[in-house]
Amino acid sequence: MKKRFQKAQKALVVKIMTAKAALADRCGEGFIDTAIKILMAVVIGALILAGLYALFGDTILPTLTQRIKEMFNYAG
């Protein structure tokens, strides 16, 4: 019985020491940092996608359809 108690006590001491080391550790990357990075990537991606959609919708596609119509409307 005494050996079991000593074994459990040692395991508890090891767990307490690892918990203290984890709490004292100030390096590494936390969950909030990762969440902010993911959020920034999503927002920047959405802005780029909206910009490309606006560019293609207003500038490129109308001139492209006009050029295709002129190409097939050849009367010469």
N, C-alpha and C. Protein backbone atom coordinates (compact mmCIF):
# COMPACT_ATOMS: atom_id res chain seq x y z
N MET A 1 0.82 -1.19 0.00
CA MET A 1 0.00 0.00 0.00
C MET A 1 0.87 1.26 0.00
N LYS A 2 1.96 1.18 0.74
CA LYS A 2 2.85 2.33 0.84
C LYS A 2 3.50 2.63 -0.50
N LYS A 3 3.83 1.58 -1.28
CA LYS A 3 4.45 1.77 -2.59
C LYS A 3 3.48 2.44 -3.56
N ARG A 4 2.23 2.04 -3.49
CA ARG A 4 1.22 2.67 -4.36
C ARG A 4 1.06 4.15 -4.03
N PHE A 5 1.06 4.46 -2.76
CA PHE A 5 0.93 5.86 -2.34
C PHE A 5 2.13 6.68 -2.82
N GLN A 6 3.33 6.13 -2.70
CA GLN A 6 4.53 6.83 -3.14
C GLN A 6 4.52 7.01 -4.66
N LYS A 7 4.07 5.99 -5.38
CA LYS A 7 4.00 6.07 -6.83
C LYS A 7 3.00 7.14 -7.27
N ALA A 8 1.84 7.18 -6.63
CA ALA A 8 0.83 8.20 -6.94
C ALA A 8 1.34 9.59 -6.59
N GLN A 9 2.07 9.69 -5.48
CA GLN A 9 2.61 10.99 -5.07
C GLN A 9 3.64 11.48 -6.08
N LYS A 10 4.50 10.59 -6.56
CA LYS A 10 5.49 10.97 -7.57
C LYS A 10 4.82 11.41 -8.86
N ALA A 11 3.78 10.68 -9.27
CA ALA A 11 3.06 11.05 -10.49
C ALA A 11 2.41 12.42 -10.34
N LEU A 12 1.87 12.68 -9.16
CA LEU A 12 1.24 13.98 -8.91
C LEU A 12 2.28 15.10 -8.95
N VAL A 13 3.44 14.86 -8.37
CA VAL A 13 4.50 15.87 -8.38
C VAL A 13 4.96 16.14 -9.81
N VAL A 14 5.08 15.10 -10.62
CA VAL A 14 5.49 15.27 -12.01
C VAL A 14 4.45 16.11 -12.77
N LYS A 15 3.17 15.81 -12.55
CA LYS A 15 2.11 16.57 -13.22
C LYS A 15 2.11 18.03 -12.78
N ILE A 16 2.32 18.27 -11.52
CA ILE A 16 2.37 19.65 -11.03
C ILE A 16 3.55 20.39 -11.63
N MET A 17 4.70 19.73 -11.72
CA MET A 17 5.88 20.39 -12.29
C MET A 17 5.68 20.69 -13.78
N THR A 18 5.07 19.77 -14.52
CA THR A 18 4.83 20.05 -15.94
C THR A 18 3.80 21.17 -16.11
N ALA A 19 2.81 21.23 -15.24
CA ALA A 19 1.84 22.32 -15.30
C ALA A 19 2.50 23.66 -15.00
N LYS A 20 3.37 23.68 -14.00
CA LYS A 20 4.09 24.92 -13.69
C LYS A 20 4.98 25.36 -14.84
N ALA A 21 5.64 24.40 -15.47
CA ALA A 21 6.51 24.73 -16.61
C ALA A 21 5.69 25.25 -17.78
N ALA A 22 4.52 24.67 -18.01
CA ALA A 22 3.67 25.14 -19.11
C ALA A 22 3.14 26.54 -18.84
N LEU A 23 2.82 26.83 -17.60
CA LEU A 23 2.32 28.16 -17.27
C LEU A 23 3.43 29.22 -17.29
N ALA A 24 4.64 28.80 -16.96
CA ALA A 24 5.76 29.75 -16.94
C ALA A 24 6.35 29.99 -18.32
N ASP A 25 6.07 29.12 -19.26
CA ASP A 25 6.61 29.24 -20.61
C ASP A 25 5.97 30.42 -21.33
N ARG A 26 6.78 31.33 -21.79
CA ARG A 26 6.27 32.53 -22.45
C ARG A 26 6.53 32.55 -23.94
N CYS A 27 7.05 31.50 -24.48
CA CYS A 27 7.31 31.46 -25.91
C CYS A 27 6.27 30.56 -26.57
N GLY A 28 6.21 30.63 -27.87
CA GLY A 28 5.27 29.80 -28.59
C GLY A 28 4.13 30.63 -29.16
N GLU A 29 3.25 29.96 -29.78
CA GLU A 29 2.15 30.62 -30.46
C GLU A 29 0.85 30.19 -29.81
N GLY A 30 0.02 31.15 -29.47
CA GLY A 30 -1.24 30.84 -28.82
C GLY A 30 -2.38 30.71 -29.79
N PHE A 31 -3.53 30.38 -29.27
CA PHE A 31 -4.71 30.18 -30.11
C PHE A 31 -5.21 31.51 -30.67
N ILE A 32 -5.08 32.58 -29.89
CA ILE A 32 -5.57 33.88 -30.34
C ILE A 32 -4.75 34.39 -31.52
N ASP A 33 -3.44 34.19 -31.45
CA ASP A 33 -2.57 34.60 -32.56
C ASP A 33 -2.97 33.88 -33.85
N THR A 34 -3.19 32.59 -33.74
CA THR A 34 -3.56 31.81 -34.91
C THR A 34 -4.92 32.24 -35.45
N ALA A 35 -5.86 32.49 -34.56
CA ALA A 35 -7.19 32.92 -34.99
C ALA A 35 -7.13 34.26 -35.71
N ILE A 36 -6.32 35.17 -35.21
CA ILE A 36 -6.18 36.48 -35.85
C ILE A 36 -5.55 36.34 -37.23
N LYS A 37 -4.55 35.48 -37.35
CA LYS A 37 -3.92 35.26 -38.66
C LYS A 37 -4.90 34.69 -39.66
N ILE A 38 -5.71 33.73 -39.23
CA ILE A 38 -6.70 33.14 -40.12
C ILE A 38 -7.74 34.18 -40.53
N LEU A 39 -8.18 34.97 -39.59
CA LEU A 39 -9.16 36.02 -39.88
C LEU A 39 -8.60 37.05 -40.86
N MET A 40 -7.35 37.43 -40.68
CA MET A 40 -6.72 38.37 -41.60
C MET A 40 -6.61 37.78 -43.00
N ALA A 41 -6.27 36.51 -43.10
CA ALA A 41 -6.16 35.87 -44.41
C ALA A 41 -7.50 35.82 -45.11
N VAL A 42 -8.56 35.54 -44.36
CA VAL A 42 -9.90 35.48 -44.96
C VAL A 42 -10.33 36.86 -45.44
N VAL A 43 -10.10 37.88 -44.65
CA VAL A 43 -10.51 39.24 -45.03
C VAL A 43 -9.72 39.72 -46.24
N ILE A 44 -8.42 39.50 -46.24
CA ILE A 44 -7.60 39.94 -47.38
C ILE A 44 -7.99 39.17 -48.64
N GLY A 45 -8.25 37.88 -48.51
CA GLY A 45 -8.69 37.09 -49.65
C GLY A 45 -10.02 37.57 -50.20
N ALA A 46 -10.94 37.92 -49.31
CA ALA A 46 -12.24 38.43 -49.75
C ALA A 46 -12.08 39.77 -50.46
N LEU A 47 -11.21 40.63 -49.97
CA LEU A 47 -10.99 41.91 -50.63
C LEU A 47 -10.38 41.73 -52.02
N ILE A 48 -9.43 40.83 -52.13
CA ILE A 48 -8.82 40.57 -53.44
C ILE A 48 -9.85 40.00 -54.41
N LEU A 49 -10.66 39.07 -53.92
CA LEU A 49 -11.68 38.46 -54.77
C LEU A 49 -12.72 39.49 -55.21
N ALA A 50 -13.12 40.38 -54.31
CA ALA A 50 -14.08 41.42 -54.67
C ALA A 50 -13.48 42.39 -55.68
N GLY A 51 -12.20 42.72 -55.51
CA GLY A 51 -11.53 43.60 -56.47
C GLY A 51 -11.43 42.97 -57.85
N LEU A 52 -11.08 41.70 -57.91
CA LEU A 52 -11.02 41.03 -59.20
C LEU A 52 -12.40 40.91 -59.84
N TYR A 53 -13.40 40.64 -59.04
CA TYR A 53 -14.76 40.55 -59.56
C TYR A 53 -15.21 41.89 -60.14
N ALA A 54 -14.91 42.97 -59.44
CA ALA A 54 -15.27 44.30 -59.93
C ALA A 54 -14.49 44.64 -61.20
N LEU A 55 -13.22 44.29 -61.23
CA LEU A 55 -12.39 44.57 -62.40
C LEU A 55 -12.89 43.82 -63.62
N PHE A 56 -13.17 42.54 -63.45
CA PHE A 56 -13.65 41.76 -64.58
C PHE A 56 -15.05 42.18 -64.99
N GLY A 57 -15.89 42.51 -64.02
CA GLY A 57 -17.27 42.87 -64.34
C GLY A 57 -17.40 44.22 -65.04
N ASP A 58 -16.61 45.18 -64.66
CA ASP A 58 -16.76 46.54 -65.20
C ASP A 58 -15.80 46.84 -66.35
N THR A 59 -14.63 46.31 -66.33
CA THR A 59 -13.61 46.72 -67.29
C THR A 59 -13.35 45.68 -68.37
N ILE A 60 -13.09 44.46 -68.00
CA ILE A 60 -12.61 43.47 -68.95
C ILE A 60 -13.75 42.83 -69.74
N LEU A 61 -14.79 42.38 -69.07
CA LEU A 61 -15.85 41.65 -69.77
C LEU A 61 -16.63 42.49 -70.78
N PRO A 62 -17.01 43.75 -70.49
CA PRO A 62 -17.72 44.52 -71.52
C PRO A 62 -16.89 44.74 -72.78
N THR A 63 -15.63 45.05 -72.63
CA THR A 63 -14.80 45.24 -73.82
C THR A 63 -14.57 43.92 -74.54
N LEU A 64 -14.52 42.84 -73.81
CA LEU A 64 -14.32 41.53 -74.43
C LEU A 64 -15.54 41.15 -75.27
N THR A 65 -16.73 41.35 -74.74
CA THR A 65 -17.94 41.02 -75.52
C THR A 65 -18.05 41.93 -76.74
N GLN A 66 -17.66 43.18 -76.59
CA GLN A 66 -17.70 44.10 -77.72
C GLN A 66 -16.71 43.66 -78.80
N ARG A 67 -15.54 43.25 -78.43
CA ARG A 67 -14.54 42.78 -79.39
C ARG A 67 -14.99 41.50 -80.09
N ILE A 68 -15.63 40.60 -79.36
CA ILE A 68 -16.12 39.37 -79.97
C ILE A 68 -17.23 39.68 -80.97
N LYS A 69 -18.13 40.60 -80.62
CA LYS A 69 -19.21 40.96 -81.54
C LYS A 69 -18.64 41.62 -82.79
N GLU A 70 -17.64 42.48 -82.64
CA GLU A 70 -17.01 43.11 -83.79
C GLU A 70 -16.28 42.08 -84.66
N MET A 71 -15.71 41.09 -84.05
CA MET A 71 -14.98 40.08 -84.78
C MET A 71 -15.93 39.22 -85.62
N PHE A 72 -17.08 38.88 -85.10
CA PHE A 72 -18.03 38.06 -85.84
C PHE A 72 -18.96 38.85 -86.72
N ASN A 73 -18.96 40.16 -86.57
CA ASN A 73 -19.79 41.04 -87.40
C ASN A 73 -18.97 41.59 -88.55
N TYR A 74 -18.11 40.81 -89.07
CA TYR A 74 -17.22 41.26 -90.14
C TYR A 74 -18.01 41.33 -91.45
N ALA A 75 -18.06 42.50 -92.04
CA ALA A 75 -18.85 42.70 -93.25
C ALA A 75 -17.96 42.90 -94.47
N GLY A 76 -16.72 42.59 -94.39
CA GLY A 76 -15.79 42.88 -95.47
C GLY A 76 -15.55 41.72 -96.31
